[in-house]
Every structure is written in structure tokens, then in C-alpha cells.
PDB file of N, CA and C in Angstrom:
ATOM      1  N   UNK A   1       0.845  -1.192   0.000  1.00  0.00           N
ATOM      2  CA  UNK A   1       0.000   0.000   0.000  1.00  0.00           C
ATOM      3  C   UNK A   1       0.885   1.248   0.000  1.00  0.00           C
ATOM      4  N   UNK A   2       0.496   2.211  -0.779  1.00  0.00           N
ATOM      5  CA  UNK A   2       1.280   3.441  -0.905  1.00  0.00           C
ATOM      6  C   UNK A   2       1.123   4.320   0.332  1.00  0.00           C
ATOM      7  N   UNK A   3       2.211   4.938   0.701  1.00  0.00           N
ATOM      8  CA  UNK A   3       2.188   5.888   1.803  1.00  0.00           C
ATOM      9  C   UNK A   3       1.513   7.167   1.311  1.00  0.00           C
ATOM     10  N   UNK A   4       0.700   7.748   2.144  1.00  0.00           N
ATOM     11  CA  UNK A   4       0.051   9.003   1.815  1.00  0.00           C
ATOM     12  C   UNK A   4       1.128  10.077   1.640  1.00  0.00           C
ATOM     13  N   UNK A   5       1.151  10.779   0.484  1.00  0.00           N
ATOM     14  CA  UNK A   5       2.188  11.786   0.246  1.00  0.00           C
ATOM     15  C   UNK A   5       2.204  12.909   1.285  1.00  0.00           C
ATOM     16  N   UNK A   6       1.046  13.263   1.807  1.00  0.00           N
ATOM     17  CA  UNK A   6       0.985  14.313   2.825  1.00  0.00           C
ATOM     18  C   UNK A   6       1.652  13.823   4.109  1.00  0.00           C
ATOM     19  N   UNK A   7       1.384  12.565   4.467  1.00  0.00           N
ATOM     20  CA  UNK A   7       2.007  11.973   5.655  1.00  0.00           C
ATOM     21  C   UNK A   7       3.522  11.899   5.463  1.00  0.00           C
ATOM     22  N   UNK A   8       3.941  11.479   4.284  1.00  0.00           N
ATOM     23  CA  UNK A   8       5.370  11.382   3.989  1.00  0.00           C
ATOM     24  C   UNK A   8       6.044  12.742   4.150  1.00  0.00           C
ATOM     25  N   UNK A   9       5.467  13.769   3.561  1.00  0.00           N
ATOM     26  CA  UNK A   9       6.069  15.101   3.614  1.00  0.00           C
ATOM     27  C   UNK A   9       6.031  15.700   5.017  1.00  0.00           C
ATOM     28  N   UNK A  10       5.065  15.273   5.824  1.00  0.00           N
ATOM     29  CA  UNK A  10       5.013  15.734   7.222  1.00  0.00           C
ATOM     30  C   UNK A  10       6.310  15.377   7.950  1.00  0.00           C
ATOM     31  N   UNK A  11       6.816  14.171   7.692  1.00  0.00           N
ATOM     32  CA  UNK A  11       8.024  13.719   8.366  1.00  0.00           C
ATOM     33  C   UNK A  11       9.299  14.241   7.699  1.00  0.00           C
ATOM     34  N   UNK A  12       9.162  14.822   6.515  1.00  0.00           N
ATOM     35  CA  UNK A  12      10.328  15.376   5.818  1.00  0.00           C
ATOM     36  C   UNK A  12      10.388  16.896   5.903  1.00  0.00           C
ATOM     37  N   UNK A  13       9.450  17.482   6.617  1.00  0.00           N
ATOM     38  CA  UNK A  13       9.440  18.935   6.782  1.00  0.00           C
ATOM     39  C   UNK A  13      10.763  19.398   7.383  1.00  0.00           C
ATOM     40  N   UNK A  14      11.364  20.408   6.760  1.00  0.00           N
ATOM     41  CA  UNK A  14      12.610  20.954   7.267  1.00  0.00           C
ATOM     42  C   UNK A  14      13.855  20.377   6.620  1.00  0.00           C
ATOM     43  N   UNK A  15      13.697  19.407   5.711  1.00  0.00           N
ATOM     44  CA  UNK A  15      14.858  18.842   5.015  1.00  0.00           C
ATOM     45  C   UNK A  15      15.449  19.899   4.086  1.00  0.00           C
ATOM     46  N   UNK A  16      16.774  19.986   4.080  1.00  0.00           N
ATOM     47  CA  UNK A  16      17.465  20.875   3.149  1.00  0.00           C
ATOM     48  C   UNK A  16      17.726  20.107   1.861  1.00  0.00           C
ATOM     49  N   UNK A  17      17.063  20.523   0.782  1.00  0.00           N
ATOM     50  CA  UNK A  17      17.267  19.893  -0.529  1.00  0.00           C
ATOM     51  C   UNK A  17      18.325  20.667  -1.293  1.00  0.00           C
ATOM     52  N   UNK A  18      19.080  19.992  -2.152  1.00  0.00           N
ATOM     53  CA  UNK A  18      18.986  18.566  -2.465  1.00  0.00           C
ATOM     54  C   UNK A  18      19.442  17.704  -1.296  1.00  0.00           C
ATOM     55  N   UNK A  19      18.858  16.495  -1.239  1.00  0.00           N
ATOM     56  CA  UNK A  19      19.163  15.576  -0.144  1.00  0.00           C
ATOM     57  C   UNK A  19      19.272  14.154  -0.677  1.00  0.00           C
ATOM     58  N   UNK A  20      20.179  13.402  -0.096  1.00  0.00           N
ATOM     59  CA  UNK A  20      20.358  11.995  -0.478  1.00  0.00           C
ATOM     60  C   UNK A  20      19.363  11.132   0.298  1.00  0.00           C
ATOM     61  N   UNK A  21      19.138   9.961  -0.225  1.00  0.00           N
ATOM     62  CA  UNK A  21      18.200   9.021   0.395  1.00  0.00           C
ATOM     63  C   UNK A  21      18.499   8.824   1.879  1.00  0.00           C
ATOM     64  N   UNK A  22      19.768   8.606   2.226  1.00  0.00           N
ATOM     65  CA  UNK A  22      20.100   8.341   3.631  1.00  0.00           C
ATOM     66  C   UNK A  22      19.780   9.543   4.523  1.00  0.00           C
ATOM     67  N   UNK A  23      19.903  10.756   3.969  1.00  0.00           N
ATOM     68  CA  UNK A  23      19.549  11.960   4.729  1.00  0.00           C
ATOM     69  C   UNK A  23      18.045  12.009   4.982  1.00  0.00           C
ATOM     70  N   UNK A  24      17.263  11.599   3.984  1.00  0.00           N
ATOM     71  CA  UNK A  24      15.808  11.597   4.117  1.00  0.00           C
ATOM     72  C   UNK A  24      15.367  10.590   5.178  1.00  0.00           C
ATOM     73  N   UNK A  25      15.957   9.395   5.141  1.00  0.00           N
ATOM     74  CA  UNK A  25      15.614   8.370   6.126  1.00  0.00           C
ATOM     75  C   UNK A  25      15.970   8.848   7.534  1.00  0.00           C
ATOM     76  N   UNK A  26      17.162   9.393   7.696  1.00  0.00           N
ATOM     77  CA  UNK A  26      17.609   9.866   9.011  1.00  0.00           C
ATOM     78  C   UNK A  26      16.684  10.967   9.524  1.00  0.00           C
ATOM     79  N   UNK A  27      16.331  11.912   8.666  1.00  0.00           N
ATOM     80  CA  UNK A  27      15.464  13.015   9.082  1.00  0.00           C
ATOM     81  C   UNK A  27      14.084  12.487   9.500  1.00  0.00           C
ATOM     82  N   UNK A  28      13.538  11.578   8.711  1.00  0.00           N
ATOM     83  CA  UNK A  28      12.217  11.022   9.033  1.00  0.00           C
ATOM     84  C   UNK A  28      12.256  10.271  10.363  1.00  0.00           C
ATOM     85  N   UNK A  29      13.342   9.535  10.609  1.00  0.00           N
ATOM     86  CA  UNK A  29      13.486   8.838  11.896  1.00  0.00           C
ATOM     87  C   UNK A  29      13.489   9.834  13.043  1.00  0.00           C
ATOM     88  N   UNK A  30      14.231  10.929  12.885  1.00  0.00           N
ATOM     89  CA  UNK A  30      14.310  11.946  13.938  1.00  0.00           C
ATOM     90  C   UNK A  30      12.975  12.628  14.176  1.00  0.00           C
ATOM     91  N   UNK A  31      12.120  12.653  13.143  1.00  0.00           N
ATOM     92  CA  UNK A  31      10.806  13.283  13.266  1.00  0.00           C
ATOM     93  C   UNK A  31       9.737  12.319  13.762  1.00  0.00           C
ATOM     94  N   UNK A  32      10.140  11.070  14.049  1.00  0.00           N
ATOM     95  CA  UNK A  32       9.193  10.099  14.607  1.00  0.00           C
ATOM     96  C   UNK A  32       8.335   9.391  13.580  1.00  0.00           C
ATOM     97  N   UNK A  33       8.828   9.255  12.356  1.00  0.00           N
ATOM     98  CA  UNK A  33       8.065   8.590  11.304  1.00  0.00           C
ATOM     99  C   UNK A  33       7.771   7.138  11.675  1.00  0.00           C
ATOM    100  N   UNK A  34       6.599   6.663  11.238  1.00  0.00           N
ATOM    101  CA  UNK A  34       6.240   5.270  11.503  1.00  0.00           C
ATOM    102  C   UNK A  34       6.983   4.340  10.537  1.00  0.00           C
ATOM    103  N   UNK A  35       6.885   3.046  10.795  1.00  0.00           N
ATOM    104  CA  UNK A  35       7.635   2.061  10.009  1.00  0.00           C
ATOM    105  C   UNK A  35       7.215   2.048   8.538  1.00  0.00           C
ATOM    106  N   UNK A  36       5.965   2.323   8.244  1.00  0.00           N
ATOM    107  CA  UNK A  36       5.499   2.341   6.848  1.00  0.00           C
ATOM    108  C   UNK A  36       6.211   3.433   6.059  1.00  0.00           C
ATOM    109  N   UNK A  37       6.325   4.606   6.644  1.00  0.00           N
ATOM    110  CA  UNK A  37       7.028   5.717   5.996  1.00  0.00           C
ATOM    111  C   UNK A  37       8.516   5.387   5.859  1.00  0.00           C
ATOM    112  N   UNK A  38       9.112   4.897   6.930  1.00  0.00           N
ATOM    113  CA  UNK A  38      10.544   4.575   6.893  1.00  0.00           C
ATOM    114  C   UNK A  38      10.837   3.479   5.878  1.00  0.00           C
ATOM    115  N   UNK A  39       9.994   2.457   5.816  1.00  0.00           N
ATOM    116  CA  UNK A  39      10.184   1.374   4.860  1.00  0.00           C
ATOM    117  C   UNK A  39      10.114   1.906   3.426  1.00  0.00           C
ATOM    118  N   UNK A  40       9.172   2.793   3.175  1.00  0.00           N
ATOM    119  CA  UNK A  40       9.049   3.380   1.846  1.00  0.00           C
ATOM    120  C   UNK A  40      10.305   4.170   1.492  1.00  0.00           C
ATOM    121  N   UNK A  41      10.777   4.991   2.410  1.00  0.00           N
ATOM    122  CA  UNK A  41      11.984   5.775   2.144  1.00  0.00           C
ATOM    123  C   UNK A  41      13.206   4.884   1.937  1.00  0.00           C
ATOM    124  N   UNK A  42      13.263   3.783   2.656  1.00  0.00           N
ATOM    125  CA  UNK A  42      14.407   2.866   2.504  1.00  0.00           C
ATOM    126  C   UNK A  42      14.393   2.171   1.144  1.00  0.00           C
ATOM    127  N   UNK A  43      13.220   2.089   0.500  1.00  0.00           N
ATOM    128  CA  UNK A  43      13.108   1.390  -0.778  1.00  0.00           C
ATOM    129  C   UNK A  43      13.228   2.313  -1.994  1.00  0.00           C
ATOM    130  N   UNK A  44      13.234   3.634  -1.796  1.00  0.00           N
ATOM    131  CA  UNK A  44      13.392   4.517  -2.952  1.00  0.00           C
ATOM    132  C   UNK A  44      14.813   4.408  -3.479  1.00  0.00           C
ATOM    133  N   UNK A  45      15.030   4.744  -4.760  1.00  0.00           N
ATOM    134  CA  UNK A  45      16.388   4.659  -5.318  1.00  0.00           C
ATOM    135  C   UNK A  45      17.392   5.509  -4.541  1.00  0.00           C
ATOM    136  N   UNK A  46      18.601   4.989  -4.451  1.00  0.00           N
ATOM    137  CA  UNK A  46      19.674   5.676  -3.722  1.00  0.00           C
ATOM    138  C   UNK A  46      20.274   6.739  -4.630  1.00  0.00           C
ATOM    139  N   UNK A  47      19.750   7.944  -4.522  1.00  0.00           N
ATOM    140  CA  UNK A  47      20.236   9.067  -5.327  1.00  0.00           C
ATOM    141  C   UNK A  47      19.948  10.359  -4.586  1.00  0.00           C
ATOM    142  N   UNK A  48      20.285  11.463  -5.211  1.00  0.00           N
ATOM    143  CA  UNK A  48      20.009  12.775  -4.632  1.00  0.00           C
ATOM    144  C   UNK A  48      18.657  13.272  -5.146  1.00  0.00           C
ATOM    145  N   UNK A  49      17.847  13.788  -4.244  1.00  0.00           N
ATOM    146  CA  UNK A  49      16.512  14.298  -4.578  1.00  0.00           C
ATOM    147  C   UNK A  49      16.528  15.811  -4.473  1.00  0.00           C
ATOM    148  N   UNK A  50      15.938  16.464  -5.483  1.00  0.00           N
ATOM    149  CA  UNK A  50      16.005  17.919  -5.530  1.00  0.00           C
ATOM    150  C   UNK A  50      14.856  18.624  -4.825  1.00  0.00           C
ATOM    151  N   UNK A  51      13.876  17.857  -4.351  1.00  0.00           N
ATOM    152  CA  UNK A  51      12.777  18.479  -3.630  1.00  0.00           C
ATOM    153  C   UNK A  51      11.708  17.479  -3.246  1.00  0.00           C
ATOM    154  N   UNK A  52      10.687  17.918  -2.527  1.00  0.00           N
ATOM    155  CA  UNK A  52       9.632  17.042  -2.042  1.00  0.00           C
ATOM    156  C   UNK A  52       8.881  16.301  -3.150  1.00  0.00           C
ATOM    157  N   UNK A  53       8.673  16.955  -4.291  1.00  0.00           N
ATOM    158  CA  UNK A  53       7.948  16.296  -5.378  1.00  0.00           C
ATOM    159  C   UNK A  53       8.717  15.098  -5.904  1.00  0.00           C
ATOM    160  N   UNK A  54      10.033  15.213  -5.989  1.00  0.00           N
ATOM    161  CA  UNK A  54      10.848  14.097  -6.456  1.00  0.00           C
ATOM    162  C   UNK A  54      10.782  12.928  -5.472  1.00  0.00           C
ATOM    163  N   UNK A  55      10.762  13.215  -4.186  1.00  0.00           N
ATOM    164  CA  UNK A  55      10.663  12.159  -3.173  1.00  0.00           C
ATOM    165  C   UNK A  55       9.287  11.491  -3.270  1.00  0.00           C
ATOM    166  N   UNK A  56       8.241  12.267  -3.402  1.00  0.00           N
ATOM    167  CA  UNK A  56       6.899  11.706  -3.498  1.00  0.00           C
ATOM    168  C   UNK A  56       6.746  10.826  -4.736  1.00  0.00           C
ATOM    169  N   UNK A  57       7.326  11.267  -5.848  1.00  0.00           N
ATOM    170  CA  UNK A  57       7.265  10.477  -7.085  1.00  0.00           C
ATOM    171  C   UNK A  57       8.003   9.150  -6.912  1.00  0.00           C
ATOM    172  N   UNK A  58       9.176   9.184  -6.305  1.00  0.00           N
ATOM    173  CA  UNK A  58       9.951   7.955  -6.077  1.00  0.00           C
ATOM    174  C   UNK A  58       9.194   7.026  -5.132  1.00  0.00           C
ATOM    175  N   UNK A  59       8.570   7.593  -4.100  1.00  0.00           N
ATOM    176  CA  UNK A  59       7.813   6.778  -3.136  1.00  0.00           C
ATOM    177  C   UNK A  59       6.618   6.116  -3.814  1.00  0.00           C
ATOM    178  N   UNK A  60       5.972   6.822  -4.719  1.00  0.00           N
ATOM    179  CA  UNK A  60       4.828   6.248  -5.438  1.00  0.00           C
ATOM    180  C   UNK A  60       5.288   5.094  -6.337  1.00  0.00           C
ATOM    181  N   UNK A  61       6.478   5.201  -6.896  1.00  0.00           N
ATOM    182  CA  UNK A  61       7.010   4.156  -7.777  1.00  0.00           C
ATOM    183  C   UNK A  61       7.332   2.862  -7.035  1.00  0.00           C
ATOM    184  N   UNK A  62       7.698   2.950  -5.761  1.00  0.00           N
ATOM    185  CA  UNK A  62       8.055   1.739  -5.007  1.00  0.00           C
ATOM    186  C   UNK A  62       6.867   1.127  -4.284  1.00  0.00           C
ATOM    187  N   UNK A  63       5.737   1.797  -4.333  1.00  0.00           N
ATOM    188  CA  UNK A  63       4.534   1.303  -3.639  1.00  0.00           C
ATOM    189  C   UNK A  63       3.961   0.075  -4.316  1.00  0.00           C
TER     190      UNK A  63
END
């Protein structure tokens, strides 16, 4: 099941873009993200993301 993009971005609020996958996972963990969000972030491609829309698109692709 796909993670709700609004929920995903809630846990990524404050990220400085561009950001690498590992930075996104670490930030979401620090913000108290649930396992569904963290699992989704761990499965996105390991690359640099230029903003929230790119992260949401990658998350939708792995759902």
C-alpha cells in the first residue's frame, strides 16, 4: 500500500534539498516517522533528490 504523500512530507518537513536518500531516512526517523514511511523511504532509489515532489514520485514508484 502506498504511503500518503501528505504523511510522507510531514516527516520530511525541514529537510534541506537537495538531499540523499540516507539523509531523508535519518530526518524522518528523527521526526518520529512510523515504520510504513521509513520502509518506503528505505526502498526509494539511492540518489540525490532535488525536492519534495521528487521524493513523493519515487515513493509512489516503489509502492
